[in-house]
Amino acid sequence: MTEPAIVLDNVDLSLGAGAARVHILKRLSLTVAAGDSLGIVGPSGSGKSTLLMVLAGLERIDAGAISVGGVALAGLDEDGLARFRGRSVGIVFQSFHLMETMTALENVAVPLELAGRRDAFERARAELEAVGLGDRLSHHPGELSGGEQQRVAIARALAPEPAILIADEPTGNLDADTGRDIIRQMFAARARKGATLVLVTHDRALADTCDRRITMRSGEIVEDVRNGAVRS
């Protein structure tokens, strides 16, 4: 049996201090099969983005257990979490988070170089060509459209060949037509790589194009649907 890509067991997380402390995730349990695509929807403040931060090892949980790609995150120090992210998780944000002083090629290649990949620029070129930016390698972010910048971000996330691709409202800063193109690119890349995709979106129709959709409210999963059938 293939090991699940993601396992959360009774995860609790609170943020803030004193009277401002807020219980964000509440005894949350979730298992995601390797290679699945999971869409996450829910109102603002429901814990969607925080869940992604937990999966990426960017927020430490207070209680429970979490395993991503077979790695138990609770046992890792900060250096270990950084290595885990660089090896196992690709992240695409709503804001593109590109370095303005670097070309598209450099934005994708430099993180690979820092991770010790000798083929950094070759890999970066291949990923940019795969998302249709082979003629934009030497362009800086300011010379690219919003959709092109997000495609650079997708190429950067996929270049290390991570097992898990995480996307937080990746079309939020784009117009509808460009957003649809970005989603096509992301799903095509996920299929090409065989990666597990976890996508937070406000668009329920988009979430329903995933293999599975969960709805969150107040830090809990209130609905879990696969192929139109409610699981819990």
C-alpha atoms as a PDB file:
ATOM      1  CA  MET A   1       0.000   0.000   0.000  1.00  0.00           C
ATOM      2  CA  THR A   2       1.297   3.455  -0.928  1.00  0.00           C
ATOM      3  CA  GLU A   3       2.049   5.666   2.054  1.00  0.00           C
ATOM      4  CA  PRO A   4      -0.294   8.702   2.328  1.00  0.00           C
ATOM      5  CA  ALA A   5       1.194  12.024   1.270  1.00  0.00           C
ATOM      6  CA  ILE A   6      -0.263  13.855   4.277  1.00  0.00           C
ATOM      7  CA  VAL A   7      -1.487  12.664   7.673  1.00  0.00           C
ATOM      8  CA  LEU A   8      -2.765  15.005  10.385  1.00  0.00           C
ATOM      9  CA  ASP A   9      -3.941  13.458  13.663  1.00  0.00           C
ATOM     10  CA  ASN A  10      -5.881  15.610  16.145  1.00  0.00           C
ATOM     11  CA  VAL A  11      -3.892  18.745  15.296  1.00  0.00           C
ATOM     12  CA  ASP A  12      -4.412  21.783  17.502  1.00  0.00           C
ATOM     13  CA  LEU A  13      -2.928  25.230  16.915  1.00  0.00           C
ATOM     14  CA  SER A  14      -3.488  28.563  18.652  1.00  0.00           C
ATOM     15  CA  LEU A  15      -1.857  31.852  17.700  1.00  0.00           C
ATOM     16  CA  GLY A  16      -1.374  35.061  19.655  1.00  0.00           C
ATOM     17  CA  ALA A  17      -0.863  35.642  23.362  1.00  0.00           C
ATOM     18  CA  GLY A  18      -3.008  36.327  26.383  1.00  0.00           C
ATOM     19  CA  ALA A  19      -6.489  37.647  25.689  1.00  0.00           C
ATOM     20  CA  ALA A  20      -5.613  37.902  21.981  1.00  0.00           C
ATOM     21  CA  ARG A  21      -4.827  34.179  21.682  1.00  0.00           C
ATOM     22  CA  VAL A  22      -7.052  32.512  19.078  1.00  0.00           C
ATOM     23  CA  HIS A  23      -7.699  28.798  18.633  1.00  0.00           C
ATOM     24  CA  ILE A  24      -7.111  28.382  14.873  1.00  0.00           C
ATOM     25  CA  LEU A  25      -7.082  24.607  14.241  1.00  0.00           C
ATOM     26  CA  LYS A  26      -9.180  22.363  16.499  1.00  0.00           C
ATOM     27  CA  ARG A  27      -8.387  18.640  16.771  1.00  0.00           C
ATOM     28  CA  LEU A  28      -8.105  18.477  13.011  1.00  0.00           C
ATOM     29  CA  SER A  29      -7.525  15.069  11.413  1.00  0.00           C
ATOM     30  CA  LEU A  30      -6.937  14.575   7.701  1.00  0.00           C
ATOM     31  CA  THR A  31      -5.327  11.973   5.433  1.00  0.00           C
ATOM     32  CA  VAL A  32      -4.481  12.764   1.793  1.00  0.00           C
ATOM     33  CA  ALA A  33      -3.469  10.004  -0.600  1.00  0.00           C
ATOM     34  CA  ALA A  34      -0.291  10.393  -2.634  1.00  0.00           C
ATOM     35  CA  GLY A  35      -1.021  11.916  -6.038  1.00  0.00           C
ATOM     36  CA  ASP A  36      -4.439  13.269  -5.048  1.00  0.00           C
ATOM     37  CA  SER A  37      -5.558  16.847  -5.580  1.00  0.00           C
ATOM     38  CA  LEU A  38      -7.349  18.415  -2.605  1.00  0.00           C
ATOM     39  CA  GLY A  39      -9.332  21.660  -2.750  1.00  0.00           C
ATOM     40  CA  ILE A  40      -9.920  23.520   0.523  1.00  0.00           C
ATOM     41  CA  VAL A  41     -12.728  26.081   0.834  1.00  0.00           C
ATOM     42  CA  GLY A  42     -14.311  27.975   3.706  1.00  0.00           C
ATOM     43  CA  PRO A  43     -14.984  31.503   4.959  1.00  0.00           C
ATOM     44  CA  SER A  44     -12.229  33.915   5.953  1.00  0.00           C
ATOM     45  CA  GLY A  45     -10.786  32.975   9.315  1.00  0.00           C
ATOM     46  CA  SER A  46     -11.716  29.312   9.012  1.00  0.00           C
ATOM     47  CA  GLY A  47      -8.076  28.175   9.189  1.00  0.00           C
ATOM     48  CA  LYS A  48      -7.458  27.335   5.525  1.00  0.00           C
ATOM     49  CA  SER A  49      -4.216  29.251   5.039  1.00  0.00           C
ATOM     50  CA  THR A  50      -2.983  28.301   8.501  1.00  0.00           C
ATOM     51  CA  LEU A  51      -3.459  24.656   7.577  1.00  0.00           C
ATOM     52  CA  LEU A  52      -1.224  25.196   4.543  1.00  0.00           C
ATOM     53  CA  MET A  53       1.403  26.861   6.740  1.00  0.00           C
ATOM     54  CA  VAL A  54       1.327  23.817   9.022  1.00  0.00           C
ATOM     55  CA  LEU A  55       1.720  21.444   6.055  1.00  0.00           C
ATOM     56  CA  ALA A  56       4.720  23.436   4.831  1.00  0.00           C
ATOM     57  CA  GLY A  57       6.350  23.421   8.262  1.00  0.00           C
ATOM     58  CA  LEU A  58       6.015  27.195   8.549  1.00  0.00           C
ATOM     59  CA  GLU A  59       3.848  26.974  11.699  1.00  0.00           C
ATOM     60  CA  ARG A  60       4.433  24.539  14.539  1.00  0.00           C
ATOM     61  CA  ILE A  61       1.388  22.820  16.009  1.00  0.00           C
ATOM     62  CA  ASP A  62       0.564  22.826  19.733  1.00  0.00           C
ATOM     63  CA  ALA A  63      -0.728  19.265  19.917  1.00  0.00           C
ATOM     64  CA  GLY A  64      -1.363  16.236  17.737  1.00  0.00           C
ATOM     65  CA  ALA A  65       0.847  14.794  15.023  1.00  0.00           C
ATOM     66  CA  ILE A  66       1.606  15.660  11.416  1.00  0.00           C
ATOM     67  CA  SER A  67       3.446  13.720   8.716  1.00  0.00           C
ATOM     68  CA  VAL A  68       4.074  15.082   5.208  1.00  0.00           C
ATOM     69  CA  GLY A  69       5.738  12.930   2.591  1.00  0.00           C
ATOM     70  CA  GLY A  70       6.533  10.376   5.275  1.00  0.00           C
ATOM     71  CA  VAL A  71       8.338  12.964   7.424  1.00  0.00           C
ATOM     72  CA  ALA A  72       7.128  13.602  10.990  1.00  0.00           C
ATOM     73  CA  LEU A  73       7.425  17.385  11.228  1.00  0.00           C
ATOM     74  CA  ALA A  74       7.278  17.608  15.023  1.00  0.00           C
ATOM     75  CA  GLY A  75      10.704  15.982  15.296  1.00  0.00           C
ATOM     76  CA  LEU A  76      12.506  18.515  13.077  1.00  0.00           C
ATOM     77  CA  ASP A  77      14.394  21.619  14.197  1.00  0.00           C
ATOM     78  CA  GLU A  78      14.329  24.798  12.095  1.00  0.00           C
ATOM     79  CA  ASP A  79      17.192  23.655   9.871  1.00  0.00           C
ATOM     80  CA  GLY A  80      15.484  20.319   9.389  1.00  0.00           C
ATOM     81  CA  LEU A  81      12.217  22.021   8.466  1.00  0.00           C
ATOM     82  CA  ALA A  82      14.043  24.194   5.926  1.00  0.00           C
ATOM     83  CA  ARG A  83      15.607  21.112   4.342  1.00  0.00           C
ATOM     84  CA  PHE A  84      12.202  19.399   4.332  1.00  0.00           C
ATOM     85  CA  ARG A  85      10.608  22.338   2.512  1.00  0.00           C
ATOM     86  CA  GLY A  86      13.416  22.549  -0.024  1.00  0.00           C
ATOM     87  CA  ARG A  87      13.200  18.851  -0.800  1.00  0.00           C
ATOM     88  CA  SER A  88       9.545  17.884  -0.389  1.00  0.00           C
ATOM     89  CA  VAL A  89       7.204  20.876  -0.719  1.00  0.00           C
ATOM     90  CA  GLY A  90       6.613  23.443  -3.454  1.00  0.00           C
ATOM     91  CA  ILE A  91       4.613  26.525  -2.477  1.00  0.00           C
ATOM     92  CA  VAL A  92       2.693  28.952  -4.700  1.00  0.00           C
ATOM     93  CA  PHE A  93       1.243  32.047  -3.006  1.00  0.00           C
ATOM     94  CA  GLN A  94      -1.380  34.581  -4.071  1.00  0.00           C
ATOM     95  CA  SER A  95       1.395  37.167  -4.227  1.00  0.00           C
ATOM     96  CA  PHE A  96       4.140  35.983  -6.518  1.00  0.00           C
ATOM     97  CA  HIS A  97       7.103  36.620  -4.154  1.00  0.00           C
ATOM     98  CA  LEU A  98       9.630  36.966  -6.969  1.00  0.00           C
ATOM     99  CA  MET A  99      12.939  38.781  -6.574  1.00  0.00           C
ATOM    100  CA  GLU A 100      12.601  41.964  -8.630  1.00  0.00           C
ATOM    101  CA  THR A 101      16.343  42.226  -9.301  1.00  0.00           C
ATOM    102  CA  MET A 102      16.532  38.708 -10.763  1.00  0.00           C
ATOM    103  CA  THR A 103      15.455  37.431 -14.163  1.00  0.00           C
ATOM    104  CA  ALA A 104      12.813  34.730 -14.482  1.00  0.00           C
ATOM    105  CA  LEU A 105      15.571  32.171 -14.977  1.00  0.00           C
ATOM    106  CA  GLU A 106      17.460  33.359 -11.900  1.00  0.00           C
ATOM    107  CA  ASN A 107      14.297  33.389  -9.758  1.00  0.00           C
ATOM    108  CA  VAL A 108      13.842  29.691 -10.468  1.00  0.00           C
ATOM    109  CA  ALA A 109      17.511  28.665 -10.502  1.00  0.00           C
ATOM    110  CA  VAL A 110      18.945  30.457  -7.458  1.00  0.00           C
ATOM    111  CA  PRO A 111      16.944  28.468  -4.843  1.00  0.00           C
ATOM    112  CA  LEU A 112      18.156  25.297  -6.574  1.00  0.00           C
ATOM    113  CA  GLU A 113      21.746  26.546  -6.445  1.00  0.00           C
ATOM    114  CA  LEU A 114      21.394  27.307  -2.741  1.00  0.00           C
ATOM    115  CA  ALA A 115      20.144  23.746  -2.256  1.00  0.00           C
ATOM    116  CA  GLY A 116      23.315  22.453  -3.928  1.00  0.00           C
ATOM    117  CA  ARG A 117      21.863  21.442  -7.295  1.00  0.00           C
ATOM    118  CA  ARG A 118      24.629  21.522  -9.914  1.00  0.00           C
ATOM    119  CA  ASP A 119      22.059  21.493 -12.720  1.00  0.00           C
ATOM    120  CA  ALA A 120      20.166  24.479 -11.267  1.00  0.00           C
ATOM    121  CA  PHE A 121      20.016  26.582 -14.426  1.00  0.00           C
ATOM    122  CA  GLU A 122      19.271  23.624 -16.688  1.00  0.00           C
ATOM    123  CA  ARG A 123      16.388  22.568 -14.426  1.00  0.00           C
ATOM    124  CA  ALA A 124      15.115  26.147 -14.208  1.00  0.00           C
ATOM    125  CA  ARG A 125      15.164  26.544 -17.976  1.00  0.00           C
ATOM    126  CA  ALA A 126      13.272  23.262 -18.441  1.00  0.00           C
ATOM    127  CA  GLU A 127      10.567  24.225 -15.917  1.00  0.00           C
ATOM    128  CA  LEU A 128      10.077  27.665 -17.440  1.00  0.00           C
ATOM    129  CA  GLU A 129       9.794  26.153 -20.889  1.00  0.00           C
ATOM    130  CA  ALA A 130       7.239  23.661 -19.535  1.00  0.00           C
ATOM    131  CA  VAL A 131       4.975  26.521 -18.384  1.00  0.00           C
ATOM    132  CA  GLY A 132       5.361  28.360 -21.707  1.00  0.00           C
ATOM    133  CA  LEU A 133       7.967  30.935 -20.693  1.00  0.00           C
ATOM    134  CA  GLY A 134      10.904  29.776 -22.783  1.00  0.00           C
ATOM    135  CA  ASP A 135      11.028  33.187 -24.456  1.00  0.00           C
ATOM    136  CA  ARG A 136      10.929  35.111 -21.145  1.00  0.00           C
ATOM    137  CA  LEU A 137      13.987  33.666 -19.413  1.00  0.00           C
ATOM    138  CA  SER A 138      15.912  36.949 -19.312  1.00  0.00           C
ATOM    139  CA  HIS A 139      12.933  39.124 -18.329  1.00  0.00           C
ATOM    140  CA  HIS A 140      12.646  40.631 -14.842  1.00  0.00           C
ATOM    141  CA  PRO A 141       9.333  40.429 -12.925  1.00  0.00           C
ATOM    142  CA  GLY A 142       8.535  44.060 -13.758  1.00  0.00           C
ATOM    143  CA  GLU A 143       8.659  43.154 -17.436  1.00  0.00           C
ATOM    144  CA  LEU A 144       6.174  40.272 -17.032  1.00  0.00           C
ATOM    145  CA  SER A 145       2.391  40.237 -16.756  1.00  0.00           C
ATOM    146  CA  GLY A 146       0.726  38.988 -13.576  1.00  0.00           C
ATOM    147  CA  GLY A 147      -0.026  35.654 -15.197  1.00  0.00           C
ATOM    148  CA  GLU A 148       3.544  35.286 -16.397  1.00  0.00           C
ATOM    149  CA  GLN A 149       4.869  36.086 -12.913  1.00  0.00           C
ATOM    150  CA  GLN A 150       2.634  33.424 -11.412  1.00  0.00           C
ATOM    151  CA  ARG A 151       3.887  30.922 -14.001  1.00  0.00           C
ATOM    152  CA  VAL A 152       7.445  31.751 -12.903  1.00  0.00           C
ATOM    153  CA  ALA A 153       6.323  31.082  -9.322  1.00  0.00           C
ATOM    154  CA  ILE A 154       4.855  27.717 -10.392  1.00  0.00           C
ATOM    155  CA  ALA A 155       8.088  26.802 -12.183  1.00  0.00           C
ATOM    156  CA  ARG A 156      10.083  27.769  -9.077  1.00  0.00           C
ATOM    157  CA  ALA A 157       7.833  25.630  -6.861  1.00  0.00           C
ATOM    158  CA  LEU A 158       8.106  22.613  -9.159  1.00  0.00           C
ATOM    159  CA  ALA A 159      11.797  22.799 -10.074  1.00  0.00           C
ATOM    160  CA  PRO A 160      13.002  20.800  -7.013  1.00  0.00           C
ATOM    161  CA  GLU A 161      10.483  18.097  -8.035  1.00  0.00           C
ATOM    162  CA  PRO A 162       8.610  18.128  -4.714  1.00  0.00           C
ATOM    163  CA  ALA A 163       6.161  15.395  -3.780  1.00  0.00           C
ATOM    164  CA  ILE A 164       3.681  17.980  -2.455  1.00  0.00           C
ATOM    165  CA  LEU A 165       2.544  21.165  -4.215  1.00  0.00           C
ATOM    166  CA  ILE A 166       0.747  23.706  -2.005  1.00  0.00           C
ATOM    167  CA  ALA A 167      -1.121  26.672  -3.497  1.00  0.00           C
ATOM    168  CA  ASP A 168      -2.781  29.448  -1.477  1.00  0.00           C
ATOM    169  CA  GLU A 169      -5.291  31.396  -3.601  1.00  0.00           C
ATOM    170  CA  PRO A 170      -2.918  31.275  -6.619  1.00  0.00           C
ATOM    171  CA  THR A 171      -5.371  33.189  -8.850  1.00  0.00           C
ATOM    172  CA  GLY A 172      -6.357  35.809  -6.273  1.00  0.00           C
ATOM    173  CA  ASN A 173      -4.399  38.648  -7.923  1.00  0.00           C
ATOM    174  CA  LEU A 174      -5.314  37.714 -11.499  1.00  0.00           C
ATOM    175  CA  ASP A 175      -8.229  38.422 -13.824  1.00  0.00           C
ATOM    176  CA  ALA A 176     -10.629  35.563 -14.584  1.00  0.00           C
ATOM    177  CA  ASP A 177      -9.138  34.520 -17.932  1.00  0.00           C
ATOM    178  CA  THR A 178      -5.560  34.615 -16.649  1.00  0.00           C
ATOM    179  CA  GLY A 179      -6.636  32.757 -13.515  1.00  0.00           C
ATOM    180  CA  ARG A 180      -8.118  29.937 -15.589  1.00  0.00           C
ATOM    181  CA  ASP A 181      -4.878  29.682 -17.552  1.00  0.00           C
ATOM    182  CA  ILE A 182      -2.838  29.485 -14.336  1.00  0.00           C
ATOM    183  CA  ILE A 183      -5.068  26.716 -12.993  1.00  0.00           C
ATOM    184  CA  ARG A 184      -4.655  24.774 -16.243  1.00  0.00           C
ATOM    185  CA  GLN A 185      -0.893  25.195 -15.953  1.00  0.00           C
ATOM    186  CA  MET A 186      -0.901  24.055 -12.324  1.00  0.00           C
ATOM    187  CA  PHE A 187      -3.000  20.956 -12.917  1.00  0.00           C
ATOM    188  CA  ALA A 188      -0.955  20.058 -15.989  1.00  0.00           C
ATOM    189  CA  ALA A 189       2.258  20.405 -13.982  1.00  0.00           C
ATOM    190  CA  ARG A 190       0.820  18.328 -11.145  1.00  0.00           C
ATOM    191  CA  ALA A 191      -0.135  15.565 -13.606  1.00  0.00           C
ATOM    192  CA  ARG A 192       3.271  15.743 -15.285  1.00  0.00           C
ATOM    193  CA  LYS A 193       5.105  15.399 -11.976  1.00  0.00           C
ATOM    194  CA  GLY A 194       2.713  13.019 -10.232  1.00  0.00           C
ATOM    195  CA  ALA A 195       2.667  15.393  -7.262  1.00  0.00           C
ATOM    196  CA  THR A 196       0.030  15.734  -4.567  1.00  0.00           C
ATOM    197  CA  LEU A 197      -1.751  19.102  -4.859  1.00  0.00           C
ATOM    198  CA  VAL A 198      -3.325  20.987  -1.944  1.00  0.00           C
ATOM    199  CA  LEU A 199      -5.178  24.080  -3.130  1.00  0.00           C
ATOM    200  CA  VAL A 200      -6.847  26.754  -0.994  1.00  0.00           C
ATOM    201  CA  THR A 201      -9.406  28.746  -2.955  1.00  0.00           C
ATOM    202  CA  HIS A 202     -12.511  30.886  -2.419  1.00  0.00           C
ATOM    203  CA  ASP A 203     -13.942  29.356  -5.614  1.00  0.00           C
ATOM    204  CA  ARG A 204     -15.967  26.241  -4.783  1.00  0.00           C
ATOM    205  CA  ALA A 205     -16.281  25.325  -8.482  1.00  0.00           C
ATOM    206  CA  LEU A 206     -12.486  25.292  -8.738  1.00  0.00           C
ATOM    207  CA  ALA A 207     -12.204  23.175  -5.595  1.00  0.00           C
ATOM    208  CA  ASP A 208     -14.691  20.744  -7.142  1.00  0.00           C
ATOM    209  CA  THR A 209     -12.290  20.129 -10.055  1.00  0.00           C
ATOM    210  CA  CYS A 210      -9.949  18.494  -7.539  1.00  0.00           C
ATOM    211  CA  ASP A 211     -10.179  14.805  -6.674  1.00  0.00           C
ATOM    212  CA  ARG A 212     -11.503  15.831  -3.269  1.00  0.00           C
ATOM    213  CA  ARG A 213     -12.879  18.948  -1.569  1.00  0.00           C
ATOM    214  CA  ILE A 214     -13.008  19.784   2.113  1.00  0.00           C
ATOM    215  CA  THR A 215     -14.856  22.697   3.665  1.00  0.00           C
ATOM    216  CA  MET A 216     -13.458  24.312   6.814  1.00  0.00           C
ATOM    217  CA  ARG A 217     -15.253  26.432   9.379  1.00  0.00           C
ATOM    218  CA  SER A 218     -13.855  27.738  12.673  1.00  0.00           C
ATOM    219  CA  GLY A 219     -10.776  25.542  12.474  1.00  0.00           C
ATOM    220  CA  GLU A 220     -12.632  22.304  11.767  1.00  0.00           C
ATOM    221  CA  ILE A 221     -13.465  20.239   8.686  1.00  0.00           C
ATOM    222  CA  VAL A 222     -17.252  20.352   8.320  1.00  0.00           C
ATOM    223  CA  GLU A 223     -17.547  18.627   4.941  1.00  0.00           C
ATOM    224  CA  ASP A 224     -15.379  16.172   3.002  1.00  0.00           C
ATOM    225  CA  VAL A 225     -16.439  15.288  -0.542  1.00  0.00           C
ATOM    226  CA  ARG A 226     -14.949  12.973  -3.169  1.00  0.00           C
ATOM    227  CA  ASN A 227     -16.606  12.459  -6.575  1.00  0.00           C
ATOM    228  CA  GLY A 228     -19.799  14.063  -5.306  1.00  0.00           C
ATOM    229  CA  ALA A 229     -20.173  11.793  -2.263  1.00  0.00           C
ATOM    230  CA  VAL A 230     -19.997  13.281   1.246  1.00  0.00           C
ATOM    231  CA  ARG A 231     -17.424  11.359   3.307  1.00  0.00           C
ATOM    232  CA  SER A 232     -18.029  12.955   6.706  1.00  0.00           C
END
